[in-house]
Protein backbone atom coordinates (compact mmCIF):
# COMPACT_ATOMS: atom_id res chain seq x y z
CA UNK A 1 32.26 -7.55 68.38
CA UNK A 2 30.42 -10.52 69.90
CA UNK A 3 31.31 -12.80 67.00
CA UNK A 4 35.01 -11.89 67.14
CA UNK A 5 35.11 -12.50 70.90
CA UNK A 6 33.41 -15.86 70.48
CA UNK A 7 35.90 -16.92 67.82
CA UNK A 8 38.81 -15.74 69.98
CA UNK A 9 37.47 -17.81 72.88
CA UNK A 10 37.22 -20.92 70.68
CA UNK A 11 40.77 -20.43 69.39
CA UNK A 12 42.09 -19.84 72.91
CA UNK A 13 40.46 -23.03 74.16
CA UNK A 14 41.99 -25.00 71.29
CA UNK A 15 45.43 -23.59 72.11
CA UNK A 16 45.07 -24.32 75.84
CA UNK A 17 44.09 -27.91 75.07
CA UNK A 18 47.18 -28.63 72.97
CA UNK A 19 49.87 -26.60 74.76
CA UNK A 20 50.29 -29.34 77.37
CA UNK A 21 51.03 -32.17 74.95
CA UNK A 22 52.23 -30.52 71.74
CA UNK A 23 55.76 -29.48 70.73
CA UNK A 24 57.11 -26.50 72.63
CA UNK A 25 58.98 -24.82 69.79
CA UNK A 26 57.14 -23.94 66.55
CA UNK A 27 58.00 -25.26 63.11
CA UNK A 28 57.42 -22.14 61.01
CA UNK A 29 60.38 -20.44 59.34
CA UNK A 30 60.90 -16.69 59.38
CA UNK A 31 60.12 -16.55 55.67
CA UNK A 32 56.89 -18.54 56.10
CA UNK A 33 55.66 -16.27 58.89
CA UNK A 34 56.42 -13.15 56.88
CA UNK A 35 54.52 -14.58 53.94
CA UNK A 36 51.53 -15.64 56.06
CA UNK A 37 51.25 -12.42 58.05
CA UNK A 38 52.53 -9.92 55.51
CA UNK A 39 51.23 -8.33 52.33
CA UNK A 40 49.83 -4.88 51.69
CA UNK A 41 47.46 -3.20 54.11
CA UNK A 42 43.89 -3.99 53.01
CA UNK A 43 42.08 -1.12 51.33
CA UNK A 44 38.63 -1.93 52.72
CA UNK A 45 37.48 -2.97 56.19
CA UNK A 46 37.33 -6.70 57.00
CA UNK A 47 34.89 -8.35 59.37
CA UNK A 48 36.49 -8.59 62.87
CA UNK A 49 35.71 -12.30 63.28
CA UNK A 50 37.33 -13.02 59.92
CA UNK A 51 40.41 -11.03 60.97
CA UNK A 52 40.74 -13.03 64.20
CA UNK A 53 40.46 -16.38 62.43
CA UNK A 54 42.99 -15.39 59.77
CA UNK A 55 45.39 -14.00 62.40
CA UNK A 56 45.28 -17.22 64.42
CA UNK A 57 45.85 -19.36 61.33
CA UNK A 58 48.80 -17.26 60.18
CA UNK A 59 50.42 -16.75 63.58
CA UNK A 60 49.74 -20.21 65.00
CA UNK A 61 52.77 -21.92 63.41
CA UNK A 62 55.00 -19.27 65.02
CA UNK A 63 53.61 -19.41 68.56
CA UNK A 64 56.01 -20.73 71.23
CA UNK A 65 54.30 -22.64 74.04
CA UNK A 66 55.75 -20.37 76.71
CA UNK A 67 52.62 -20.97 78.78
CA UNK A 68 53.11 -24.73 78.56
CA UNK A 69 54.57 -26.99 81.25
CA UNK A 70 57.85 -27.81 79.46
CA UNK A 71 59.05 -24.32 78.62
CA UNK A 72 62.09 -23.72 80.83
CA UNK A 73 63.67 -20.68 79.17
CA UNK A 74 64.33 -17.17 80.49
CA UNK A 75 62.50 -17.64 83.85
CA UNK A 76 59.23 -17.32 81.98
CA UNK A 77 56.14 -18.07 84.03
CA UNK A 78 52.96 -19.54 82.60
CA UNK A 79 49.55 -17.90 82.83
CA UNK A 80 47.13 -18.88 85.58
CA UNK A 81 43.53 -19.40 84.40
CA UNK A 82 42.13 -16.67 86.64
CA UNK A 83 44.84 -14.23 85.56
CA UNK A 84 44.21 -14.93 81.85
CA UNK A 85 40.48 -14.43 82.29
CA UNK A 86 41.07 -11.18 84.19
CA UNK A 87 43.43 -10.05 81.44
CA UNK A 88 40.68 -10.63 78.86
CA UNK A 89 38.31 -8.50 80.93
CA UNK A 90 41.03 -5.86 81.20
CA UNK A 91 41.18 -5.67 77.41
CA UNK A 92 37.39 -5.53 77.05
CA UNK A 93 37.01 -2.92 79.78
CA UNK A 94 39.98 -0.98 78.31
CA UNK A 95 40.50 1.05 81.47
CA UNK A 96 43.30 3.64 81.37
CA UNK A 97 45.11 3.03 84.66
CA UNK A 98 46.47 6.50 85.18
CA UNK A 99 43.93 8.49 87.18
CA UNK A 100 41.22 7.47 89.63
CA UNK A 101 38.68 9.48 87.66
CA UNK A 102 39.48 7.44 84.55
CA UNK A 103 38.88 4.15 86.35
CA UNK A 104 38.03 4.01 90.04
CA UNK A 105 38.09 0.20 89.86
CA UNK A 106 41.59 0.08 88.33
CA UNK A 107 42.90 2.42 91.00
CA UNK A 108 41.35 0.54 93.93
CA UNK A 109 42.28 -2.93 92.65
CA UNK A 110 45.94 -1.81 92.50
CA UNK A 111 45.65 -0.45 96.02
CA UNK A 112 44.22 -3.72 97.33
CA UNK A 113 46.57 -6.01 95.39
CA UNK A 114 49.51 -3.84 96.40
CA UNK A 115 48.64 -4.29 100.08
CA UNK A 116 48.35 -8.05 99.60
CA UNK A 117 51.77 -8.14 97.92
CA UNK A 118 53.50 -6.18 100.68
CA UNK A 119 52.08 -8.58 103.24
CA UNK A 120 52.88 -11.69 101.18
CA UNK A 121 56.48 -10.64 100.53
CA UNK A 122 57.17 -9.40 104.05
CA UNK A 123 57.84 -5.80 102.99
CA UNK A 124 57.03 -2.67 105.01
CA UNK A 125 53.27 -2.06 104.98
CA UNK A 126 53.79 1.68 104.43
CA UNK A 127 55.78 1.12 101.21
CA UNK A 128 54.39 2.46 97.93
CA UNK A 129 53.63 0.14 95.00
CA UNK A 130 53.79 0.67 91.26
CA UNK A 131 52.51 -1.62 88.48
CA UNK A 132 54.91 -1.45 85.53
CA UNK A 133 55.77 -3.42 82.39
CA UNK A 134 58.42 -5.67 83.92
CA UNK A 135 61.42 -5.79 86.20
CA UNK A 136 63.45 -3.53 83.91
CA UNK A 137 60.97 -0.70 84.50
CA UNK A 138 60.58 -1.71 88.13
CA UNK A 139 64.34 -1.32 88.59
CA UNK A 140 64.22 1.98 86.71
CA UNK A 141 61.41 3.33 88.90
CA UNK A 142 63.01 2.25 92.17
CA UNK A 143 66.40 3.63 91.16
CA UNK A 144 64.82 6.91 90.07
CA UNK A 145 63.39 7.19 93.59
CA UNK A 146 66.81 6.32 94.99
CA UNK A 147 68.50 8.94 92.80
CA UNK A 148 65.97 11.57 93.92
CA UNK A 149 66.39 10.84 97.61
CA UNK A 150 70.16 10.50 97.72
CA UNK A 151 70.67 13.75 95.80
CA UNK A 152 67.99 15.50 97.86
CA UNK A 153 69.94 14.63 101.00
CA UNK A 154 72.97 16.19 99.32
CA UNK A 155 70.99 19.38 98.65
CA UNK A 156 70.18 18.79 94.98
CA UNK A 157 66.79 18.64 93.21
CA UNK A 158 67.39 16.32 90.27
CA UNK A 159 63.83 16.62 88.92
CA UNK A 160 64.15 20.41 88.55
CA UNK A 161 67.89 20.86 88.03
CA UNK A 162 68.88 17.69 86.17
CA UNK A 163 72.22 15.96 86.52
CA UNK A 164 74.54 18.65 85.16
CA UNK A 165 76.49 19.93 88.16
CA UNK A 166 74.85 17.46 90.55
CA UNK A 167 76.89 15.87 93.36
CA UNK A 168 78.58 12.65 92.24
CA UNK A 169 76.33 9.64 92.81
CA UNK A 170 78.07 6.33 93.51
CA UNK A 171 76.33 3.11 92.47
CA UNK A 172 77.62 -0.28 93.61
CA UNK A 173 76.44 -3.60 92.20
CA UNK A 174 77.50 -7.21 92.54
CA UNK A 175 79.75 -8.62 89.87
CA UNK A 176 76.86 -10.86 88.76
CA UNK A 177 74.38 -7.97 88.44
CA UNK A 178 71.54 -8.55 86.00
CA UNK A 179 71.68 -6.52 82.82
CA UNK A 180 68.27 -4.93 83.51
CA UNK A 181 69.77 -3.03 86.46
CA UNK A 182 72.53 -1.66 84.25
CA UNK A 183 69.96 -0.79 81.59
CA UNK A 184 67.84 1.05 84.14
CA UNK A 185 70.86 2.97 85.38
CA UNK A 186 71.73 4.01 81.83
CA UNK A 187 68.22 5.44 81.41
CA UNK A 188 68.86 7.44 84.59
CA UNK A 189 72.08 8.93 83.22
CA UNK A 190 74.48 6.59 84.99
CA UNK A 191 76.73 4.81 82.51
CA UNK A 192 77.78 1.19 82.92
CA UNK A 193 81.45 2.17 83.30
CA UNK A 194 80.53 4.50 86.16
CA UNK A 195 79.10 1.62 88.18
CA UNK A 196 81.37 0.03 90.80
CA UNK A 197 81.31 -3.76 90.62
CA UNK A 198 81.72 -5.69 93.86
CA UNK A 199 83.28 -9.16 93.97
CA UNK A 200 80.94 -12.16 94.11
CA UNK A 201 81.46 -15.74 95.28
CA UNK A 202 81.35 -18.95 93.24
CA UNK A 203 77.54 -18.94 93.11
CA UNK A 204 77.27 -15.28 92.14
CA UNK A 205 76.50 -13.84 95.59
CA UNK A 206 77.85 -10.38 96.40
CA UNK A 207 80.53 -10.52 99.10
CA UNK A 208 79.70 -8.20 102.03
CA UNK A 209 83.36 -7.75 102.97
CA UNK A 210 84.13 -6.55 99.45
CA UNK A 211 81.11 -4.22 99.55
CA UNK A 212 82.25 -2.67 102.83
CA UNK A 213 85.67 -1.89 101.35
CA UNK A 214 84.16 -0.44 98.15
CA UNK A 215 81.56 1.83 99.78
CA UNK A 216 83.38 5.18 99.89
CA UNK A 217 81.74 8.50 100.71
CA UNK A 218 78.97 10.67 99.29
CA UNK A 219 75.49 9.79 97.99
CA UNK A 220 75.48 6.04 97.37
CA UNK A 221 73.09 3.44 95.97
CA UNK A 222 73.76 -0.28 96.43
CA UNK A 223 71.97 -2.77 94.16
CA UNK A 224 71.69 -6.25 95.64
CA UNK A 225 70.16 -9.33 94.04
CA UNK A 226 67.53 -11.82 95.18
CA UNK A 227 67.88 -14.73 92.78
CA UNK A 228 70.85 -14.89 90.42
CA UNK A 229 69.57 -15.38 86.88
CA UNK A 230 71.91 -18.35 86.32
CA UNK A 231 72.22 -20.06 89.70
CA UNK A 232 69.24 -18.73 91.66
CA UNK A 233 71.59 -17.73 94.49
CA UNK A 234 70.79 -14.80 96.79
CA UNK A 235 73.06 -12.00 97.92
CA UNK A 236 73.37 -12.02 101.76
CA UNK A 237 70.79 -9.28 102.16
CA UNK A 238 70.94 -9.02 105.95
CA UNK A 239 74.69 -8.34 105.95
CA UNK A 240 74.40 -5.96 103.00
CA UNK A 241 71.56 -4.07 104.68
CA UNK A 242 73.66 -3.62 107.81
CA UNK A 243 76.49 -2.10 105.77
CA UNK A 244 74.28 0.24 103.74
CA UNK A 245 72.43 1.48 106.84
CA UNK A 246 75.68 2.13 108.67
CA UNK A 247 76.97 4.12 105.68
CA UNK A 248 73.69 5.96 104.99
CA UNK A 249 73.31 4.44 101.54
CA UNK A 250 70.14 3.42 99.69
CA UNK A 251 69.73 -0.35 99.26
CA UNK A 252 67.79 -1.58 96.23
CA UNK A 253 66.95 -5.26 95.72
CA UNK A 254 66.54 -6.62 92.21
CA UNK A 255 64.31 -9.63 92.85
CA UNK A 256 62.81 -10.32 89.42
CA UNK A 257 61.90 -13.86 90.46
CA UNK A 258 63.80 -14.50 93.70
CA UNK A 259 61.86 -11.96 95.76
CA UNK A 260 58.90 -14.37 95.66
CA UNK A 261 60.87 -16.72 97.91
CA UNK A 262 59.73 -14.51 100.79
CA UNK A 263 56.23 -15.97 100.36
CA UNK A 264 57.40 -19.51 101.23
CA UNK A 265 58.22 -20.71 104.74
CA UNK A 266 60.71 -23.17 103.25
CA UNK A 267 62.45 -20.55 101.10
CA UNK A 268 62.26 -17.23 102.93
CA UNK A 269 65.55 -17.78 104.76
CA UNK A 270 67.16 -16.83 101.44
CA UNK A 271 65.65 -13.34 101.70
CA UNK A 272 66.42 -12.71 105.37
CA UNK A 273 66.93 -8.95 105.79
CA UNK A 274 65.03 -8.04 102.63
CA UNK A 275 62.62 -5.87 104.63
CA UNK A 276 65.57 -3.64 105.61
CA UNK A 277 66.07 -2.47 102.02
CA UNK A 278 64.77 0.83 100.63
CA UNK A 279 63.28 -0.44 97.36
CA UNK A 280 62.49 -3.68 95.59
CA UNK A 281 61.69 -4.81 92.04
CA UNK A 282 60.07 -8.02 90.84
CA UNK A 283 57.96 -9.53 88.06
CA UNK A 284 54.43 -10.86 88.36
CA UNK A 285 54.75 -12.44 84.91
CA UNK A 286 57.51 -14.69 86.20
CA UNK A 287 56.71 -16.68 89.32
CA UNK A 288 53.21 -15.35 89.99
CA UNK A 289 52.29 -16.61 86.49
CA UNK A 290 50.43 -13.49 85.40
CA UNK A 291 50.31 -12.78 81.63
CA UNK A 292 52.91 -10.40 80.22
CA UNK A 293 53.53 -7.45 80.80
CA UNK A 294 53.44 -7.21 84.59
CA UNK A 295 56.22 -5.87 86.79
CA UNK A 296 56.08 -4.55 90.35
CA UNK A 297 58.07 -1.89 92.19
CA UNK A 298 57.99 -1.19 95.92
CA UNK A 299 59.58 1.78 97.68
CA UNK A 300 59.89 2.17 101.45
CA UNK A 301 59.92 5.96 101.08
CA UNK A 302 56.69 6.84 99.21
CA UNK A 303 57.59 10.54 99.11
CA UNK A 304 60.77 9.78 97.15
CA UNK A 305 58.86 7.41 94.87
CA UNK A 306 56.18 9.95 94.11
CA UNK A 307 58.63 12.82 93.67
CA UNK A 308 60.55 10.83 91.05
CA UNK A 309 57.47 9.74 89.08
CA UNK A 310 54.55 12.17 89.47
CA UNK A 311 53.63 14.78 86.87
CA UNK A 312 51.66 18.02 87.11
CA UNK A 313 49.57 19.96 84.61
CA UNK A 314 46.72 22.47 84.70
CA UNK A 315 44.16 19.81 83.84
CA UNK A 316 45.42 17.34 86.48
CA UNK A 317 43.56 18.68 89.51
CA UNK A 318 44.98 17.46 92.83
CA UNK A 319 43.19 17.50 96.17
CA UNK A 320 44.47 16.97 99.73
CA UNK A 321 42.33 13.87 100.35
CA UNK A 322 42.44 12.43 96.85
CA UNK A 323 42.39 8.63 96.29
CA UNK A 324 45.46 6.78 95.10
CA UNK A 325 46.43 8.07 91.65
CA UNK A 326 48.15 5.21 89.77
CA UNK A 327 50.23 7.50 87.54
CA UNK A 328 52.09 8.84 90.60
CA UNK A 329 53.96 5.54 90.96
CA UNK A 330 55.01 4.55 87.42
CA UNK A 331 56.98 6.07 84.53
CA UNK A 332 53.90 5.86 82.30
CA UNK A 333 50.83 8.06 82.29
CA UNK A 334 48.77 6.06 79.81
CA UNK A 335 49.00 2.34 80.48
CA UNK A 336 47.11 -0.92 80.69
CA UNK A 337 45.27 -1.69 83.94
CA UNK A 338 47.69 -4.41 85.03
CA UNK A 339 46.30 -4.65 88.52
CA UNK A 340 43.26 -6.72 87.53
CA UNK A 341 45.30 -9.78 86.49
CA UNK A 342 47.58 -9.53 89.53
CA UNK A 343 44.53 -9.25 91.80
CA UNK A 344 42.92 -12.30 90.16
CA UNK A 345 46.10 -14.39 90.42
CA UNK A 346 46.52 -13.61 94.12
CA UNK A 347 42.87 -14.13 94.95
CA UNK A 348 42.67 -17.42 93.05
CA UNK A 349 45.82 -18.84 94.67
CA UNK A 350 45.59 -17.39 98.14
CA UNK A 351 48.59 -17.32 100.43
CA UNK A 352 48.81 -21.13 100.53
CA UNK A 353 48.53 -21.46 96.76
CA UNK A 354 51.37 -19.02 96.12
CA UNK A 355 53.56 -20.89 98.59
CA UNK A 356 52.71 -24.23 96.99
CA UNK A 357 53.52 -22.90 93.52
CA UNK A 358 56.95 -21.73 94.67
CA UNK A 359 57.78 -24.87 96.63
CA UNK A 360 56.63 -27.15 93.82
CA UNK A 361 58.77 -25.40 91.21
CA UNK A 362 61.83 -25.66 93.45
CA UNK A 363 61.17 -29.34 94.12
CA UNK A 364 60.88 -29.96 90.38
CA UNK A 365 64.15 -28.09 89.77
CA UNK A 366 65.87 -30.41 92.27
CA UNK A 367 64.27 -33.41 90.53
CA UNK A 368 65.64 -32.12 87.22
CA UNK A 369 69.12 -31.78 88.69
CA UNK A 370 69.03 -35.23 90.31
CA UNK A 371 67.88 -36.94 87.11
CA UNK A 372 70.56 -35.23 85.02
CA UNK A 373 73.36 -35.54 87.58
CA UNK A 374 72.91 -39.31 87.58
CA UNK A 375 74.11 -39.42 83.98
CA UNK A 376 77.89 -39.61 83.69
CA UNK A 377 77.88 -37.36 80.63
CA UNK A 378 76.26 -34.43 82.43
CA UNK A 379 77.45 -31.99 85.06
CA UNK A 380 75.33 -29.66 87.21
CA UNK A 381 77.25 -26.43 87.75
CA UNK A 382 75.25 -24.72 90.49
CA UNK A 383 73.90 -25.39 93.94
CA UNK A 384 70.18 -25.82 93.19
CA UNK A 385 68.77 -23.57 95.89
CA UNK A 386 65.77 -22.25 93.97
CA UNK A 387 64.28 -22.96 90.54
CA UNK A 388 67.43 -22.61 88.40
CA UNK A 389 69.58 -25.47 87.10
CA UNK A 390 72.81 -25.04 85.10
CA UNK A 391 73.58 -28.07 82.92
CA UNK A 392 76.82 -28.81 81.08
CA UNK A 393 77.82 -31.69 78.86
CA UNK A 394 80.77 -33.68 80.19
CA UNK A 395 82.17 -35.64 77.23
CA UNK A 396 84.77 -38.37 77.75
CA UNK A 397 87.09 -36.32 75.54
CA UNK A 398 86.98 -33.20 73.45
CA UNK A 399 85.56 -29.71 73.88
CA UNK A 400 82.89 -29.57 76.60
CA UNK A 401 81.73 -26.14 75.41
CA UNK A 402 81.13 -27.43 71.89
CA UNK A 403 79.40 -30.55 73.23
CA UNK A 404 77.12 -28.43 75.41
CA UNK A 405 76.16 -26.17 72.52
CA UNK A 406 75.48 -29.16 70.27
CA UNK A 407 73.38 -30.88 72.94
CA UNK A 408 71.35 -27.73 73.46
CA UNK A 409 70.68 -27.48 69.72
CA UNK A 410 69.45 -31.09 69.67
CA UNK A 411 67.16 -30.53 72.65
CA UNK A 412 65.66 -27.47 71.03
CA UNK A 413 65.24 -29.29 67.72
CA UNK A 414 63.47 -32.22 69.40
CA UNK A 415 60.91 -29.72 70.77
CA UNK A 416 59.84 -31.82 73.76
CA UNK A 417 60.98 -28.95 75.93
CA UNK A 418 62.76 -25.65 75.43
CA UNK A 419 65.66 -24.25 77.42
CA UNK A 420 68.26 -21.66 76.56
CA UNK A 421 72.02 -21.38 76.70
CA UNK A 422 74.20 -19.22 78.89
CA UNK A 423 77.81 -18.61 79.89
CA UNK A 424 78.79 -19.23 83.50
CA UNK A 425 82.30 -18.47 84.75
CA UNK A 426 83.75 -18.92 81.28
CA UNK A 427 81.82 -22.13 80.52
CA UNK A 428 78.93 -22.79 78.15
CA UNK A 429 75.87 -24.21 79.88
CA UNK A 430 72.20 -24.99 79.38
CA UNK A 431 69.93 -23.06 81.72
CA UNK A 432 66.74 -24.56 83.11
CA UNK A 433 64.18 -22.32 84.83
CA UNK A 434 61.19 -24.08 86.40
CA UNK A 435 58.58 -21.34 86.79
CA UNK A 436 55.27 -22.65 85.44
CA UNK A 437 52.25 -23.51 87.59
CA UNK A 438 51.31 -26.43 85.31
CA UNK A 439 54.67 -28.27 85.19
CA UNK A 440 54.50 -31.83 86.57
CA UNK A 441 56.94 -34.57 87.52
CA UNK A 442 56.18 -36.23 84.19
CA UNK A 443 57.09 -33.04 82.31
CA UNK A 444 60.42 -32.89 84.12
CA UNK A 445 61.16 -36.56 83.45
CA UNK A 446 60.32 -36.30 79.73
CA UNK A 447 62.47 -33.19 79.44
CA UNK A 448 65.38 -34.73 81.36
CA UNK A 449 65.29 -37.75 79.05
CA UNK A 450 65.47 -35.43 76.04
CA UNK A 451 68.52 -33.67 77.50
CA UNK A 452 70.20 -36.99 78.34
CA UNK A 453 69.60 -38.30 74.80
CA UNK A 454 71.01 -35.13 73.28
CA UNK A 455 74.07 -35.16 75.52
CA UNK A 456 74.74 -38.84 74.88
CA UNK A 457 74.64 -38.24 71.13
CA UNK A 458 77.34 -35.53 71.21
CA UNK A 459 79.56 -37.10 73.90
């Protein structure tokens, strides 16, 4: 085992050294990767160190530098050094993070990191915390707690009696709701066509007046958004919280990356009122720059959270004064001990480091927008309030959608940076997400020049 770990460390160091300067997108074709990695399963055992070396050689040409400073796709964070190192220890320790008795350290580190997170994000200190795979499962977990509580208030036990014959549950979302919320609702037995969509403004923010009109009666869940995936805009959470409290509804906030704005003095005005919600979901593998997979769920009503998630069996002995049992707060019983990497990231950055990371990414996003906006062939479609920039080609004549798609293809082919495409209010656009701790002004300038070249070529 020692030899294989030593070889993995050497390979990791080589990758870390070149990810900053090398091309972001790999050169390997699908066919080449299948040929390099495929073939029949070996009949006999192979030395672990040899396996690691061969794996790295075969997979290397297909590795995207998502941890590098010029990857701007899908709001993908990088990986902080302390978090990566903690993740390696997590794999070596191989602690099942389900029960305290299986790993006292994994249980306590989640408890400590969870308390730090509640404080950092300005959430109620009595809220419960779950460490899940990502924001999709965080949304699922929070909405399962919401479903439990709203039906309980209506006299129905959904965990025992299911949904057949249950009181009708209304779910309201903004018209720019992220697909992960809809996916989570589907897993909970609430179809996408059952969801009531509420009008949003030009930046994708839910309109409180439209929400008030749409509320209706009966058990109700409202899903608000902190950080639109295209524009970065925030729903007016304070106004929405006032409406949901007046109507007795449950307010859930999908804050996959935007919830982190609460940790910055310069940004937290965007999340004003977030502490008045009932549940929250976010990703650590986005703006906290923890390795994948790492999502976080918070619920202001721990009893509802636990009722929706906990399991019982003869061999799972419970005691009145038991320590925190991690499996009570997530959909999974057997899972990776994700708390170690989150703990290491928070401890290495500290409160000031987290704030600096957020502020720096937002400053770089504004720099991106300013550099691109200065070119007559480019249009910025959104108000750059966070770390998201929507870019559109503006040709002197012809189809702007086609020009934008062609420019994006050229940027991706040049491989200086990587960004993805999107549709915004019926228009094609390039979407830039600045989320990496290692991105610099120089990285932004090089990437902006690549986009300008590509746009000039197709205009």
